């Protein structure tokens, strides 16, 4: 099953482009599902029909749904929330306040992504199109499995064993609610689901992210940051869609300055995203609502090309053997050396770009090696490793 994720700064038209992609794919005979994980759903508005929390048929070969984030929260967080509420209530927090405090902001959006795994596992469709939340929220969602993974793989098993041993003794001396196996099971199930989502989204043969931008300075800057961070976490961007360009048919002198600015920003996109396929869509003289309008948008974006092909192939982070050690290569476009912080702890390499952090588990062959240098070269982060004796001879 092919998976396409569309994201971009709020207001650039990503929902319209995602819906248009789904319409075109369905018209070509692909069994297509388009779903929205954006808390401010507008997918139903694009189709001009009512959509619910389960797939609704909107055209031959095409279904659409708007994720009910609250329901997904109930399904995935209930056991954890119940324990947190009981613990907070035991500590003297009012029940209503405890209910509110037991839900971490953003959880609803996180659980929406689990539907990606559910639909992929079902095998009912050929293509899944995901209208994601705006870029900042999408980055937070996509990085969650990495953030939870370290804790759940290293600390969580120890906590579970300790709790099982000390629970009988503590039950005799305190009334504080103690975590039960049901709670640990819920946490483990949540992580496994998110881990499955991560594996799907990082499968470059199956999943691609497409960035939607307007020819505006702030929008392009946001898209460049998003592209960098997606590369940091191993997600594959295979296209950039520049939306709402003034068409050549607009000749009124009042628009000359606007068209000149768009041309300037378009050149920035072409230069900054060199190597990434770029597609364009004009500013239409009508709202993009309904199947016919969406099909016209798809024609402008894709022409006669298939919408579900992998438009660009990139390599994931890779380790290479060198004459004096090993080399890690990680694509990090649009960053300078000063923007990146690299450090090593035990068997992990930590890469930090701005507020985002990724931990890369090192192969066993590098267990005794030291980081001797790290730098940005041609849009790649290149980290060199050497054995301890070689590391002493070379400068970092």
Foldseek 3Di string as FASTA:
>chain_A
DFEEEEAFAPPLCRLLLLVLLQLVQVVVPWLEEEEELAPPDCNCQLAVHDAEQDWDDSDRSYTYHYHPLVVLCCVQCVVVLVLQLLQVVVVPDDSVVSSVVSDDPLNSSLSVLLVVVVVVVVPPTPYYYYHYYHLVSVLVNLCVLQVVVVCCVPPLVVVVVVLVVCVVVVVVPDPRDGDDVVNSVSVVVVSVSSVSSNVQQLPLQRYEYEYEAELDDVRVVSVLVSVLSCLVSRGHHQEYEHEAQADPVDDPPVCPVVNVSSVVSVVVCCVQVPQHHYFYFHRDPDDSHHSVSSNVRSCRGAPPDNSRHRNHDDDRWDWDADPFAIKTKGARGPDAFVQWDWDDDQQWIWIDGVPDIGIDGHDPSQRQWDFADWGDDPRIIMTGIHHPVVSVVGHD
